[in-house]
Amino acid sequence: MSYRIGIVGIENSHAHEIIRYLNVVQPAELPMRVTALVAGTPERNRELAELGGIDTIAVSAQELLGKVDALIVTSRDGALHRDLAVPFLENGTPVWVDKPLAASVTDARDIIAAAKRGNALLTSSSALRWVSDTQEVADQLGTIGDLQTVTLTGPADPKSEYSGIFFYGIHLADVAQRMVPGMPNDIDVQVTPGAVIARYRAGDVLVTLEFIQPDTTGRVPFRVTAVGSHGVISRDIVLGEDYVQPGVNAFATMLAQRKPPLSDDALLAPIVLLEHVRLAEAQARRRET
């Protein structure tokens, strides 16, 4: 079966890369093609339609119901994701929400519930979860003894117009779940002038996420450090030009195998953490004023 894919939220650079991969590169092992877009700016519509040879440009996502076999939501703002995804999930259409799943726990739960009601496939993740550097660290965790701590460092801006810490913070929160699955417990958040530090426990492992706000010079790289009872792993997570492709492959595998790559708890856990971080960061800022 060849899947007809619709994309909504085309302002995101990921939309360009997904279309290039599926419609231009056209990997033989991925029987799918982007056949419809939900309109953005006229210039963006034209750019992506020409890139992918796409004829259908809908005014709203609702117009694509029943006209595509699966939907990819790539809107930058997670606060929009619930309204975009739920009608398709309730209709039984598979949906990939390209990070974050939502910008609140309530919305995330609603999206997951809609997938249940429609018996629809649902996935959502950061592209960093699937890249080779992340996979290699995850594969090596068993070589350093009993895991004690995992620290993730990377850029995030609590003041982002796209639901604040959720926009880039999802990268760290999701990779942390790849390393140490489980709902965060005993969450503690500290705020400095240029960073937000969140610590929590997942089982017996202490997880620390260092969200560093970019300055005028640039931003810190993504980095993971894992400490075990007899070893340490520490490396940057580097995003190559093809960094979106592993996530597309995971989506394609979900469609082919009719099985989501992540559990409902794995989808929800990063959103639980980020909502806690957002509230704590806002409280800290209010105290400062």
Protein backbone atom coordinates (compact mmCIF):
# COMPACT_ATOMS: atom_id res chain seq x y z
CA MET A 1 0.00 0.00 0.00
CA SER A 2 1.20 3.50 -0.83
CA TYR A 3 0.13 6.04 1.78
CA ARG A 4 -1.15 9.50 0.91
CA ILE A 5 0.25 11.87 3.53
CA GLY A 6 -1.06 15.31 4.48
CA ILE A 7 1.01 17.93 6.31
CA VAL A 8 -0.32 20.80 8.43
CA GLY A 9 1.97 23.41 9.98
CA ILE A 10 4.21 23.98 6.98
CA GLU A 11 6.03 26.99 8.46
CA ASN A 12 8.33 24.53 10.22
CA SER A 13 11.58 23.60 8.47
CA HIS A 14 10.74 19.96 9.20
CA ALA A 15 7.94 20.14 6.63
CA HIS A 16 10.49 20.97 3.93
CA GLU A 17 12.76 18.11 4.96
CA ILE A 18 9.93 15.58 5.18
CA ILE A 19 8.67 16.51 1.71
CA ARG A 20 12.17 16.41 0.25
CA TYR A 21 12.78 12.98 1.76
CA LEU A 22 9.47 11.37 0.78
CA ASN A 23 8.76 13.08 -2.55
CA VAL A 24 12.22 13.84 -3.93
CA VAL A 25 14.59 11.24 -2.46
CA GLN A 26 11.74 8.70 -2.44
CA PRO A 27 13.32 5.83 -0.50
CA ALA A 28 12.07 2.56 -1.99
CA GLU A 29 11.40 1.12 1.47
CA LEU A 30 8.98 3.94 2.33
CA PRO A 31 5.77 3.53 0.28
CA MET A 32 4.36 6.95 1.06
CA ARG A 33 4.17 10.38 -0.50
CA VAL A 34 3.07 13.81 0.68
CA THR A 35 0.04 14.55 -1.48
CA ALA A 36 -1.57 17.48 0.35
CA LEU A 37 -0.63 20.56 2.35
CA VAL A 38 -2.65 22.82 4.59
CA ALA A 39 -1.91 26.32 3.36
CA GLY A 40 0.59 28.65 4.96
CA THR A 41 1.85 31.83 3.34
CA PRO A 42 1.56 31.96 -0.47
CA GLU A 43 5.34 31.87 -0.81
CA ARG A 44 5.64 28.80 1.44
CA ASN A 45 2.78 27.06 -0.36
CA ARG A 46 4.51 27.60 -3.69
CA GLU A 47 7.92 26.53 -2.40
CA LEU A 48 6.75 23.22 -0.94
CA ALA A 49 4.29 22.41 -3.72
CA GLU A 50 7.01 22.85 -6.33
CA LEU A 51 9.53 20.89 -4.26
CA GLY A 52 7.27 17.88 -3.82
CA GLY A 53 5.08 18.05 -6.92
CA ILE A 54 2.05 18.54 -4.66
CA ASP A 55 -1.26 19.59 -6.22
CA THR A 56 -3.59 19.75 -3.21
CA ILE A 57 -3.33 22.81 -0.96
CA ALA A 58 -6.20 22.94 1.51
CA VAL A 59 -7.34 26.05 3.33
CA SER A 60 -7.90 24.11 6.57
CA ALA A 61 -6.89 20.73 7.96
CA GLN A 62 -10.55 19.68 8.09
CA GLU A 63 -10.62 19.67 4.28
CA LEU A 64 -8.19 16.73 4.27
CA LEU A 65 -10.37 14.43 6.36
CA GLY A 66 -10.97 11.31 4.29
CA LYS A 67 -8.60 12.52 1.56
CA VAL A 68 -5.30 11.39 3.13
CA ASP A 69 -4.24 8.09 4.68
CA ALA A 70 -2.21 9.73 7.45
CA LEU A 71 -1.48 13.20 8.79
CA ILE A 72 1.74 14.84 9.95
CA VAL A 73 1.36 17.84 12.26
CA THR A 74 4.46 20.03 12.06
CA SER A 75 3.15 23.31 13.50
CA ARG A 76 5.80 24.94 15.69
CA ASP A 77 3.35 25.80 18.46
CA GLY A 78 2.28 22.80 20.50
CA ALA A 79 -0.78 24.72 21.70
CA LEU A 80 -2.26 24.20 18.22
CA HIS A 81 -1.69 20.47 18.06
CA ARG A 82 -4.78 19.27 19.87
CA ASP A 83 -7.24 20.97 17.54
CA LEU A 84 -5.29 19.84 14.47
CA ALA A 85 -4.83 16.19 15.47
CA VAL A 86 -8.04 15.22 17.31
CA PRO A 87 -10.49 15.25 14.34
CA PHE A 88 -8.23 12.94 12.34
CA LEU A 89 -7.62 10.57 15.25
CA GLU A 90 -11.33 10.37 15.99
CA ASN A 91 -11.81 9.57 12.30
CA GLY A 92 -9.34 6.67 12.58
CA THR A 93 -6.58 8.42 10.63
CA PRO A 94 -2.99 7.79 11.82
CA VAL A 95 -1.26 10.95 13.06
CA TRP A 96 2.36 11.86 13.72
CA VAL A 97 2.61 15.01 15.84
CA ASP A 98 6.11 16.32 15.22
CA LYS A 99 7.18 17.59 18.68
CA PRO A 100 5.83 18.47 21.07
CA LEU A 101 2.70 16.35 21.37
CA ALA A 102 1.04 19.33 23.06
CA ALA A 103 1.80 22.35 25.21
CA SER A 104 -0.21 21.16 28.21
CA VAL A 105 -0.92 17.88 29.95
CA THR A 106 -4.65 18.39 29.40
CA ASP A 107 -4.20 18.71 25.64
CA ALA A 108 -1.82 15.75 25.55
CA ARG A 109 -4.33 13.56 27.37
CA ASP A 110 -7.07 14.71 25.01
CA ILE A 111 -4.99 13.75 21.97
CA ILE A 112 -4.21 10.32 23.39
CA ALA A 113 -7.89 9.81 24.29
CA ALA A 114 -8.94 10.75 20.75
CA ALA A 115 -6.62 8.08 19.36
CA LYS A 116 -8.30 5.55 21.64
CA ARG A 117 -11.77 6.62 20.55
CA GLY A 118 -10.90 6.36 16.88
CA ASN A 119 -8.72 3.28 17.25
CA ALA A 120 -6.09 5.33 15.42
CA LEU A 121 -2.31 5.10 15.38
CA LEU A 122 -0.58 8.01 17.14
CA THR A 123 3.03 8.94 17.66
CA SER A 124 4.98 12.04 18.64
CA SER A 125 8.64 12.65 19.40
CA SER A 126 11.61 14.92 19.05
CA ALA A 127 13.83 14.25 16.05
CA LEU A 128 16.69 13.89 18.53
CA ARG A 129 15.17 10.72 19.95
CA TRP A 130 15.93 8.82 16.73
CA VAL A 131 19.29 10.21 15.55
CA SER A 132 22.35 7.96 15.59
CA ASP A 133 24.18 9.74 18.45
CA THR A 134 21.19 9.23 20.76
CA GLN A 135 20.84 5.61 19.69
CA GLU A 136 24.53 4.91 20.28
CA VAL A 137 24.46 6.33 23.80
CA ALA A 138 21.31 4.35 24.62
CA ASP A 139 22.98 1.18 23.33
CA GLN A 140 26.05 1.80 25.50
CA LEU A 141 24.23 2.40 28.78
CA GLY A 142 24.49 -1.25 29.72
CA THR A 143 28.30 -1.11 29.58
CA ILE A 144 28.79 1.34 32.48
CA GLY A 145 27.20 -0.61 35.30
CA ASP A 146 24.13 0.38 37.27
CA LEU A 147 22.95 3.70 35.90
CA GLN A 148 23.12 6.48 38.51
CA THR A 149 22.60 9.80 36.74
CA VAL A 150 21.76 11.13 33.28
CA THR A 151 22.28 14.80 32.38
CA LEU A 152 20.99 16.41 29.20
CA THR A 153 22.12 19.88 28.13
CA GLY A 154 20.77 21.94 25.27
CA PRO A 155 19.19 25.19 24.10
CA ALA A 156 15.68 26.28 25.06
CA ASP A 157 14.00 29.64 25.47
CA PRO A 158 11.26 29.92 28.14
CA LYS A 159 10.10 33.09 26.37
CA SER A 160 9.65 31.49 22.95
CA GLU A 161 6.52 32.62 21.15
CA TYR A 162 5.78 28.95 20.47
CA SER A 163 4.57 28.00 23.96
CA GLY A 164 7.82 28.84 25.69
CA ILE A 165 9.92 25.97 27.04
CA PHE A 166 7.88 23.41 25.08
CA PHE A 167 9.24 24.48 21.69
CA TYR A 168 12.88 23.46 22.16
CA GLY A 169 12.69 21.95 25.62
CA ILE A 170 10.92 18.90 24.21
CA HIS A 171 14.24 17.78 22.69
CA LEU A 172 15.88 17.31 26.08
CA ALA A 173 12.75 15.95 27.73
CA ASP A 174 12.22 13.35 25.02
CA VAL A 175 15.85 12.22 24.81
CA ALA A 176 15.81 11.85 28.59
CA GLN A 177 12.88 9.46 28.16
CA ARG A 178 14.86 7.54 25.53
CA MET A 179 17.67 7.10 28.08
CA VAL A 180 15.56 6.56 31.21
CA PRO A 181 11.91 5.76 30.47
CA GLY A 182 9.36 6.52 33.13
CA MET A 183 7.10 9.21 34.52
CA PRO A 184 9.12 11.95 36.30
CA ASN A 185 8.95 11.92 40.10
CA ASP A 186 10.17 14.42 42.70
CA ILE A 187 10.59 17.19 40.11
CA ASP A 188 12.69 20.15 41.25
CA VAL A 189 13.24 23.26 39.12
CA GLN A 190 15.87 25.96 39.59
CA VAL A 191 15.99 29.16 37.54
CA THR A 192 19.07 31.29 36.79
CA PRO A 193 19.26 34.41 34.60
CA GLY A 194 20.17 32.31 31.56
CA ALA A 195 19.01 28.79 32.31
CA VAL A 196 16.34 26.57 33.76
CA ILE A 197 17.54 23.40 35.49
CA ALA A 198 15.08 20.57 36.13
CA ARG A 199 15.88 17.49 38.18
CA TYR A 200 13.69 14.46 38.72
CA ARG A 201 13.87 10.79 39.52
CA ALA A 202 12.93 8.00 37.13
CA GLY A 203 13.11 4.83 39.17
CA ASP A 204 16.52 4.84 40.85
CA VAL A 205 18.11 7.25 38.35
CA LEU A 206 18.53 10.98 38.91
CA VAL A 207 17.86 12.87 35.67
CA THR A 208 18.96 16.48 35.15
CA LEU A 209 17.90 18.66 32.24
CA GLU A 210 19.82 21.89 31.65
CA PHE A 211 17.79 24.22 29.43
CA ILE A 212 20.21 26.97 28.38
CA GLN A 213 18.82 30.12 26.83
CA PRO A 214 20.71 31.10 23.64
CA ASP A 215 22.48 34.46 23.66
CA THR A 216 23.38 36.80 20.82
CA THR A 217 26.45 34.72 19.94
CA GLY A 218 24.73 31.38 19.49
CA ARG A 219 23.50 28.41 21.44
CA VAL A 220 25.00 25.50 23.31
CA PRO A 221 25.00 22.10 21.59
CA PHE A 222 22.87 19.20 22.70
CA ARG A 223 24.85 16.92 25.01
CA VAL A 224 24.18 13.83 27.09
CA THR A 225 26.23 12.51 30.01
CA ALA A 226 25.38 9.22 31.69
CA VAL A 227 27.15 8.00 34.84
CA GLY A 228 27.07 4.36 35.89
CA SER A 229 28.58 2.45 38.77
CA HIS A 230 31.78 1.83 36.83
CA GLY A 231 31.78 4.12 33.83
CA VAL A 232 30.77 7.38 32.15
CA ILE A 233 29.44 8.17 28.69
CA SER A 234 29.47 11.77 27.49
CA ARG A 235 28.98 13.06 23.98
CA ASP A 236 27.33 15.75 21.90
CA ILE A 237 24.19 14.88 19.96
CA VAL A 238 24.93 16.21 16.51
CA LEU A 239 22.19 16.94 14.01
CA GLY A 240 23.26 16.26 10.44
CA GLU A 241 21.44 17.41 7.33
CA ASP A 242 19.33 14.24 7.42
CA TYR A 243 18.34 14.50 11.09
CA VAL A 244 14.60 14.46 10.33
CA GLN A 245 14.78 11.23 8.36
CA PRO A 246 15.00 8.73 11.27
CA GLY A 247 11.77 10.17 12.66
CA VAL A 248 10.09 9.76 9.27
CA ASN A 249 11.32 6.17 9.20
CA ALA A 250 9.79 5.56 12.65
CA PHE A 251 6.48 6.97 11.38
CA ALA A 252 6.62 4.74 8.31
CA THR A 253 7.33 1.69 10.47
CA MET A 254 4.31 2.54 12.62
CA LEU A 255 2.08 2.59 9.54
CA ALA A 256 3.54 -0.62 8.12
CA GLN A 257 3.41 -2.59 11.36
CA ARG A 258 0.22 -0.97 12.68
CA LYS A 259 1.95 -0.40 16.01
CA PRO A 260 2.98 2.91 17.64
CA PRO A 261 6.69 3.12 18.49
CA LEU A 262 5.95 4.72 21.89
CA SER A 263 3.53 3.91 24.68
CA ASP A 264 0.96 6.41 25.91
CA ASP A 265 3.06 7.00 29.04
CA ALA A 266 6.14 7.67 26.90
CA LEU A 267 4.15 10.26 24.94
CA LEU A 268 2.83 11.90 28.09
CA ALA A 269 5.92 11.91 30.34
CA PRO A 270 7.86 14.71 28.56
CA ILE A 271 4.75 16.91 28.58
CA VAL A 272 4.23 16.32 32.31
CA LEU A 273 7.81 17.42 32.95
CA LEU A 274 7.69 20.48 30.69
CA GLU A 275 4.41 21.70 32.16
CA HIS A 276 5.97 21.50 35.62
CA VAL A 277 9.04 23.38 34.36
CA ARG A 278 6.92 26.09 32.73
CA LEU A 279 4.91 26.69 35.90
CA ALA A 280 8.00 26.75 38.12
CA GLU A 281 9.85 29.10 35.75
CA ALA A 282 6.88 31.48 35.63
CA GLN A 283 6.62 31.50 39.43
CA ALA A 284 10.34 32.24 39.75
CA ARG A 285 10.06 35.16 37.33
CA ARG A 286 7.11 36.59 39.24
CA ARG A 287 9.06 36.44 42.49
CA GLU A 288 11.88 38.39 40.86
CA THR A 289 9.52 41.22 40.01
